[in-house]
Amino acid sequence: MLAEIAIEILQMLLVMFGSPLLVGVIRKAKARLQGRRGAGVFQPCADLRKLLAKEVVVSENTSWIFRFTPYLLATTMLLSALIIPVLTVRAPLGFMGNIIALMYLFLLGTFFLALAGLDAGSAFGGMGSSREVAIAALAEPTVLIAIFGIALRAGTTSLDGIITRFAAEPLLMLNAGHLLAFFALFIVALAENGRLPVDNPATHLELTMIHEAMILEYSGRLLALVEWAAGMKLFLFLTLLSNLFFPWGVALTNTPLPLFVAFLALAVKLLLFAGAIALAETSVAKLRLFRVPELLAGSFTVALLAVVTAFFIK
């Protein structure tokens, strides 16, 4: 029992401290691809430490929702880290690892962040909140349908069960539906985490912001928690992509050697995804806002095709 609790704590710590490094690697890779030196990969860690030491300034017009939301965001991401198979499929909370429960956790954070953006009463906060809710309404069903497409082939909606089945029978992944589900989920991961071409995390141009517009009023440790939660959400989405569609290396037993191999495999897969995101963000421009629903509708269609393919191609 103590070993299982230690593994859950290890997964949580990996998500907590690995997420700022992942953000730093993406920024560094983008800088290199753009011909710049860029900041070090540990710069997001230094930024979080600096924000945690700063004073919090809160508008007198805000309610308890504004102060509560950063803590809720961090809590939901840490709880998601206990559900998603990060290193092993034998985690004690694996029985909770249903994709529907996971999407409800992500939606809970999105809902409160949108409320916090509205709570301050600023025009930009309201604008960002309305855009975020519109994107979430289109993106979340795509996640469910894309994973349902591969769950049909695995015979279970449990994340642990899907990974275990595909790890035992790799030939099940040699299917067009598997590839379609991967592309649909990858597009949604970019949209949900405010990456190009949906949103630009490096801009502060008010009329184009989505995520940044909602958190303009935050400062100090509250801003640090919001940024940290955003990094953990990106880490968890990429981990979900890595382990669901490329389950090689995920530990099937809770012994030291498989867990160490799982850690190395996850690091390699996340580095590859970070490079892919950096390459994509230096190759494409941000979409105009009215074109974003078209992109998400396209990803929804691709996910639906993945489900249809599961019925016709065995």
Protein backbone atom coordinates (compact mmCIF):
# COMPACT_ATOMS: atom_id res chain seq x y z
CA MET A 1 0.00 0.00 0.00
CA LEU A 2 2.79 2.41 0.88
CA ALA A 3 4.50 1.63 -2.44
CA GLU A 4 1.31 2.44 -4.37
CA ILE A 5 0.90 5.75 -2.52
CA ALA A 6 4.56 6.54 -3.26
CA ILE A 7 3.97 5.89 -6.98
CA GLU A 8 0.97 8.25 -7.02
CA ILE A 9 3.03 10.93 -5.28
CA LEU A 10 5.84 10.35 -7.78
CA GLN A 11 3.46 10.85 -10.71
CA MET A 12 2.09 14.02 -9.13
CA LEU A 13 5.57 15.42 -8.52
CA LEU A 14 6.58 14.54 -12.09
CA VAL A 15 3.66 16.55 -13.45
CA MET A 16 4.24 19.44 -11.03
CA PHE A 17 7.94 19.91 -11.74
CA GLY A 18 8.03 18.55 -15.27
CA SER A 19 5.42 20.96 -16.63
CA PRO A 20 7.55 24.15 -16.29
CA LEU A 21 10.46 22.30 -17.92
CA LEU A 22 8.23 21.20 -20.80
CA VAL A 23 7.12 24.80 -21.37
CA GLY A 24 10.78 25.89 -21.25
CA VAL A 25 11.80 23.23 -23.80
CA ILE A 26 9.06 24.36 -26.21
CA ARG A 27 10.10 28.01 -25.87
CA LYS A 28 13.77 27.11 -26.34
CA ALA A 29 13.03 25.00 -29.41
CA LYS A 30 10.93 27.81 -30.93
CA ALA A 31 13.74 30.30 -30.31
CA ARG A 32 16.28 28.03 -32.00
CA LEU A 33 14.02 27.45 -35.00
CA GLN A 34 13.55 31.23 -35.31
CA GLY A 35 17.31 31.85 -35.20
CA ARG A 36 17.30 33.25 -31.66
CA ARG A 37 19.22 32.11 -28.62
CA GLY A 38 16.21 32.24 -26.33
CA ALA A 39 15.93 31.85 -22.57
CA GLY A 40 17.04 28.71 -20.80
CA VAL A 41 14.70 25.76 -20.30
CA PHE A 42 14.56 26.55 -16.56
CA GLN A 43 13.26 30.10 -17.14
CA PRO A 44 9.59 29.16 -16.48
CA CYS A 45 10.68 27.76 -13.09
CA ALA A 46 12.40 31.05 -12.28
CA ASP A 47 9.32 32.99 -13.40
CA LEU A 48 7.06 30.94 -11.12
CA ARG A 49 9.41 31.41 -8.18
CA LYS A 50 9.47 35.16 -8.79
CA LEU A 51 5.67 35.37 -8.98
CA LEU A 52 5.23 33.31 -5.81
CA ALA A 53 7.32 35.87 -3.91
CA LYS A 54 5.38 38.89 -5.21
CA GLU A 55 2.49 40.65 -3.55
CA VAL A 56 -1.04 39.84 -4.69
CA VAL A 57 -3.11 42.78 -5.92
CA VAL A 58 -6.83 42.05 -6.20
CA SER A 59 -9.49 44.41 -7.53
CA GLU A 60 -12.13 45.46 -5.02
CA ASN A 61 -14.80 44.56 -7.58
CA THR A 62 -13.99 40.84 -7.53
CA SER A 63 -15.73 38.15 -5.47
CA TRP A 64 -14.52 34.92 -3.89
CA ILE A 65 -14.54 33.25 -7.33
CA PHE A 66 -11.55 35.30 -8.45
CA ARG A 67 -9.44 34.24 -5.46
CA PHE A 68 -10.68 30.64 -5.44
CA THR A 69 -10.12 29.84 -9.13
CA PRO A 70 -6.27 29.56 -9.12
CA TYR A 71 -6.39 27.04 -6.29
CA LEU A 72 -9.15 25.10 -8.04
CA LEU A 73 -7.15 25.01 -11.28
CA ALA A 74 -4.07 23.65 -9.55
CA THR A 75 -6.13 21.09 -7.62
CA THR A 76 -7.95 19.76 -10.69
CA MET A 77 -4.69 19.37 -12.58
CA LEU A 78 -3.07 17.50 -9.70
CA LEU A 79 -6.12 15.24 -9.39
CA SER A 80 -5.94 14.60 -13.14
CA ALA A 81 -2.29 13.63 -12.66
CA LEU A 82 -3.47 10.90 -10.29
CA ILE A 83 -5.98 9.58 -12.85
CA ILE A 84 -3.96 9.69 -16.08
CA PRO A 85 -1.47 6.81 -16.47
CA VAL A 86 1.69 8.92 -16.46
CA LEU A 87 4.22 6.20 -15.64
CA THR A 88 2.19 3.10 -14.81
CA VAL A 89 -1.21 1.53 -15.47
CA ARG A 90 -1.21 0.04 -11.96
CA ALA A 91 -1.88 3.26 -10.06
CA PRO A 92 -4.25 2.99 -7.05
CA LEU A 93 -6.63 5.57 -8.55
CA GLY A 94 -6.60 3.85 -11.93
CA PHE A 95 -10.21 2.74 -11.42
CA MET A 96 -11.15 6.43 -11.75
CA GLY A 97 -9.30 6.70 -15.04
CA ASN A 98 -12.34 7.06 -17.23
CA ILE A 99 -12.05 9.66 -19.98
CA ILE A 100 -15.46 11.13 -19.07
CA ALA A 101 -14.35 11.85 -15.50
CA LEU A 102 -11.14 13.38 -16.81
CA MET A 103 -12.97 15.70 -19.21
CA TYR A 104 -15.27 16.83 -16.40
CA LEU A 105 -12.20 17.81 -14.38
CA PHE A 106 -10.78 19.81 -17.29
CA LEU A 107 -14.17 21.45 -17.92
CA LEU A 108 -14.49 22.37 -14.24
CA GLY A 109 -11.25 24.34 -14.44
CA THR A 110 -12.27 25.98 -17.72
CA PHE A 111 -15.66 26.96 -16.28
CA PHE A 112 -14.20 28.64 -13.19
CA LEU A 113 -11.45 30.36 -15.20
CA ALA A 114 -14.10 31.84 -17.48
CA LEU A 115 -16.05 33.00 -14.42
CA ALA A 116 -12.89 34.56 -12.99
CA GLY A 117 -12.31 36.43 -16.25
CA LEU A 118 -15.83 37.85 -16.01
CA ASP A 119 -15.60 38.50 -12.27
CA ALA A 120 -13.18 41.42 -12.54
CA GLY A 121 -15.58 43.27 -14.81
CA SER A 122 -12.96 44.16 -17.43
CA ALA A 123 -13.82 44.19 -21.12
CA PHE A 124 -10.84 42.03 -22.06
CA GLY A 125 -11.65 39.46 -19.38
CA GLY A 126 -15.19 39.07 -20.68
CA MET A 127 -13.94 38.82 -24.25
CA GLY A 128 -11.43 36.11 -23.36
CA SER A 129 -13.98 34.17 -21.30
CA SER A 130 -16.54 34.11 -24.10
CA ARG A 131 -13.92 32.88 -26.56
CA GLU A 132 -12.63 30.24 -24.15
CA VAL A 133 -16.12 28.84 -23.52
CA ALA A 134 -16.84 28.74 -27.26
CA ILE A 135 -13.63 26.81 -27.91
CA ALA A 136 -14.28 24.41 -25.01
CA ALA A 137 -17.79 23.71 -26.29
CA LEU A 138 -16.30 22.57 -29.61
CA ALA A 139 -13.16 20.90 -28.28
CA GLU A 140 -14.38 18.74 -25.39
CA PRO A 141 -16.80 16.60 -27.47
CA THR A 142 -13.97 15.95 -29.91
CA VAL A 143 -11.79 14.54 -27.11
CA LEU A 144 -14.54 12.18 -26.00
CA ILE A 145 -15.30 10.97 -29.52
CA ALA A 146 -11.62 10.57 -30.48
CA ILE A 147 -10.86 8.44 -27.43
CA PHE A 148 -14.14 6.57 -27.89
CA GLY A 149 -12.89 5.67 -31.37
CA ILE A 150 -9.84 3.89 -29.96
CA ALA A 151 -11.82 2.57 -26.97
CA LEU A 152 -13.99 0.61 -29.41
CA ARG A 153 -10.92 -1.28 -30.58
CA ALA A 154 -9.58 -1.73 -27.05
CA GLY A 155 -12.94 -2.86 -25.68
CA THR A 156 -12.90 -0.48 -22.69
CA THR A 157 -13.20 3.22 -21.88
CA SER A 158 -10.70 2.96 -19.01
CA LEU A 159 -7.45 4.74 -19.79
CA ASP A 160 -5.48 2.02 -18.01
CA GLY A 161 -7.34 -0.69 -19.93
CA ILE A 162 -6.77 0.98 -23.32
CA ILE A 163 -3.03 1.32 -22.74
CA THR A 164 -2.73 -2.24 -21.42
CA ARG A 165 -4.61 -3.67 -24.41
CA PHE A 166 -2.58 -1.76 -27.00
CA ALA A 167 0.70 -2.58 -25.25
CA ALA A 168 -0.21 -6.28 -25.34
CA GLU A 169 -1.51 -6.22 -28.94
CA PRO A 170 0.38 -3.53 -30.91
CA LEU A 171 -1.21 -4.66 -34.20
CA LEU A 172 -4.50 -3.12 -33.04
CA MET A 173 -2.90 0.30 -33.53
CA LEU A 174 -2.19 -0.37 -37.22
CA ASN A 175 -5.49 1.10 -38.22
CA ALA A 176 -6.64 4.23 -40.05
CA GLY A 177 -9.04 5.04 -37.21
CA HIS A 178 -6.16 5.13 -34.74
CA LEU A 179 -4.36 7.71 -36.88
CA LEU A 180 -7.51 9.79 -37.36
CA ALA A 181 -8.17 9.83 -33.61
CA PHE A 182 -4.59 10.91 -32.96
CA PHE A 183 -4.79 13.89 -35.32
CA ALA A 184 -8.17 14.96 -33.91
CA LEU A 185 -6.87 14.81 -30.34
CA PHE A 186 -3.64 16.62 -31.24
CA ILE A 187 -5.59 19.56 -32.74
CA VAL A 188 -7.77 19.72 -29.64
CA ALA A 189 -4.68 19.64 -27.41
CA LEU A 190 -3.38 22.73 -29.21
CA ALA A 191 -6.74 24.49 -28.84
CA GLU A 192 -7.27 23.55 -25.19
CA ASN A 193 -3.80 24.78 -24.22
CA GLY A 194 -3.93 28.06 -26.13
CA ARG A 195 -1.27 27.17 -28.71
CA LEU A 196 -0.99 28.24 -32.32
CA PRO A 197 -2.88 28.32 -34.63
CA VAL A 198 -5.78 28.81 -32.18
CA ASP A 199 -4.11 31.19 -29.71
CA ASN A 200 -0.64 32.69 -29.36
CA PRO A 201 0.77 32.23 -25.83
CA ALA A 202 3.51 34.78 -26.50
CA THR A 203 1.31 37.73 -27.47
CA HIS A 204 -0.36 40.44 -25.41
CA LEU A 205 -2.31 42.03 -28.25
CA GLU A 206 -5.67 42.52 -26.60
CA LEU A 207 -7.89 41.82 -29.61
CA THR A 208 -6.26 38.43 -30.30
CA MET A 209 -5.88 37.08 -26.75
CA ILE A 210 -7.95 34.23 -25.35
CA HIS A 211 -6.22 32.67 -22.34
CA GLU A 212 -4.12 35.73 -21.53
CA ALA A 213 -7.21 37.98 -21.61
CA MET A 214 -8.83 35.99 -18.80
CA ILE A 215 -5.82 36.24 -16.47
CA LEU A 216 -4.86 39.88 -17.02
CA GLU A 217 -6.14 40.82 -13.57
CA TYR A 218 -4.10 38.18 -11.72
CA SER A 219 -0.80 38.90 -10.01
CA GLY A 220 1.61 37.39 -7.52
CA ARG A 221 1.04 33.85 -6.30
CA LEU A 222 -2.43 33.71 -7.86
CA LEU A 223 -0.92 34.32 -11.31
CA ALA A 224 1.80 31.76 -10.53
CA LEU A 225 -0.84 29.12 -9.75
CA VAL A 226 -2.77 29.90 -12.94
CA GLU A 227 0.37 29.69 -15.08
CA TRP A 228 1.52 26.54 -13.29
CA ALA A 229 -1.89 24.92 -13.84
CA ALA A 230 -1.74 25.83 -17.55
CA GLY A 231 1.66 24.16 -17.82
CA MET A 232 0.39 21.05 -16.04
CA LYS A 233 -2.59 20.89 -18.39
CA LEU A 234 -0.25 20.94 -21.40
CA PHE A 235 1.91 18.25 -19.76
CA LEU A 236 -1.14 16.04 -19.11
CA PHE A 237 -2.55 16.44 -22.62
CA LEU A 238 0.77 15.49 -24.20
CA THR A 239 1.14 12.58 -21.76
CA LEU A 240 -2.33 11.41 -22.74
CA LEU A 241 -1.37 11.58 -26.42
CA SER A 242 1.93 9.82 -25.78
CA ASN A 243 0.66 6.95 -23.70
CA LEU A 244 -2.68 6.32 -25.42
CA PHE A 245 -1.39 6.28 -28.98
CA PHE A 246 2.22 5.24 -28.34
CA PRO A 247 2.02 3.04 -25.23
CA TRP A 248 5.56 1.71 -25.54
CA GLY A 249 7.46 1.97 -22.29
CA VAL A 250 4.48 2.48 -19.96
CA ALA A 251 5.04 0.36 -16.85
CA LEU A 252 2.67 -2.61 -16.57
CA THR A 253 4.04 -3.52 -13.15
CA ASN A 254 5.05 -1.33 -10.22
CA THR A 255 8.65 -2.48 -9.96
CA PRO A 256 11.67 -0.14 -10.10
CA LEU A 257 13.05 -1.14 -13.53
CA PRO A 258 9.76 -0.78 -15.50
CA LEU A 259 9.07 2.53 -13.75
CA PHE A 260 12.53 3.82 -14.68
CA VAL A 261 12.05 2.71 -18.29
CA ALA A 262 8.61 4.39 -18.29
CA PHE A 263 10.19 7.63 -17.07
CA LEU A 264 12.79 7.57 -19.87
CA ALA A 265 10.19 6.65 -22.50
CA LEU A 266 7.86 9.45 -21.37
CA ALA A 267 10.73 11.96 -21.44
CA VAL A 268 11.60 10.99 -25.02
CA LYS A 269 7.99 11.13 -26.20
CA LEU A 270 7.38 14.51 -24.57
CA LEU A 271 10.57 15.90 -26.12
CA LEU A 272 9.36 14.75 -29.54
CA PHE A 273 5.95 16.35 -28.99
CA ALA A 274 7.60 19.55 -27.75
CA GLY A 275 9.68 19.66 -30.93
CA ALA A 276 6.58 19.06 -33.06
CA ILE A 277 4.69 21.89 -31.33
CA ALA A 278 7.65 24.25 -31.70
CA LEU A 279 7.96 23.37 -35.39
CA ALA A 280 4.23 23.84 -35.95
CA GLU A 281 4.16 27.19 -34.15
CA THR A 282 7.06 28.54 -36.23
CA SER A 283 5.49 27.30 -39.47
CA VAL A 284 1.89 28.52 -39.17
CA ALA A 285 0.26 31.82 -38.34
CA LYS A 286 -2.56 32.37 -35.89
CA LEU A 287 -5.98 31.77 -37.39
CA ARG A 288 -8.49 34.58 -37.49
CA LEU A 289 -11.05 34.09 -34.75
CA PHE A 290 -13.96 33.18 -37.03
CA ARG A 291 -11.83 30.44 -38.62
CA VAL A 292 -11.16 28.67 -35.30
CA PRO A 293 -14.62 26.97 -35.22
CA GLU A 294 -13.91 25.65 -38.70
CA LEU A 295 -10.67 24.06 -37.49
CA LEU A 296 -12.36 22.51 -34.45
CA ALA A 297 -15.31 21.35 -36.53
CA GLY A 298 -12.79 19.69 -38.84
CA SER A 299 -11.16 17.92 -35.88
CA PHE A 300 -14.62 16.80 -34.71
CA THR A 301 -15.30 15.34 -38.15
CA VAL A 302 -11.97 13.52 -38.11
CA ALA A 303 -12.77 12.08 -34.67
CA LEU A 304 -16.18 10.97 -35.91
CA LEU A 305 -14.53 9.25 -38.87
CA ALA A 306 -12.29 7.43 -36.39
CA VAL A 307 -15.41 6.03 -34.69
CA VAL A 308 -17.00 5.05 -38.00
CA THR A 309 -13.78 3.39 -39.10
CA ALA A 310 -13.79 1.25 -35.95
CA PHE A 311 -17.07 -0.32 -37.09
CA PHE A 312 -16.05 -1.01 -40.69
CA ILE A 313 -12.35 -1.88 -40.39
CA LYS A 314 -11.57 -4.65 -37.94
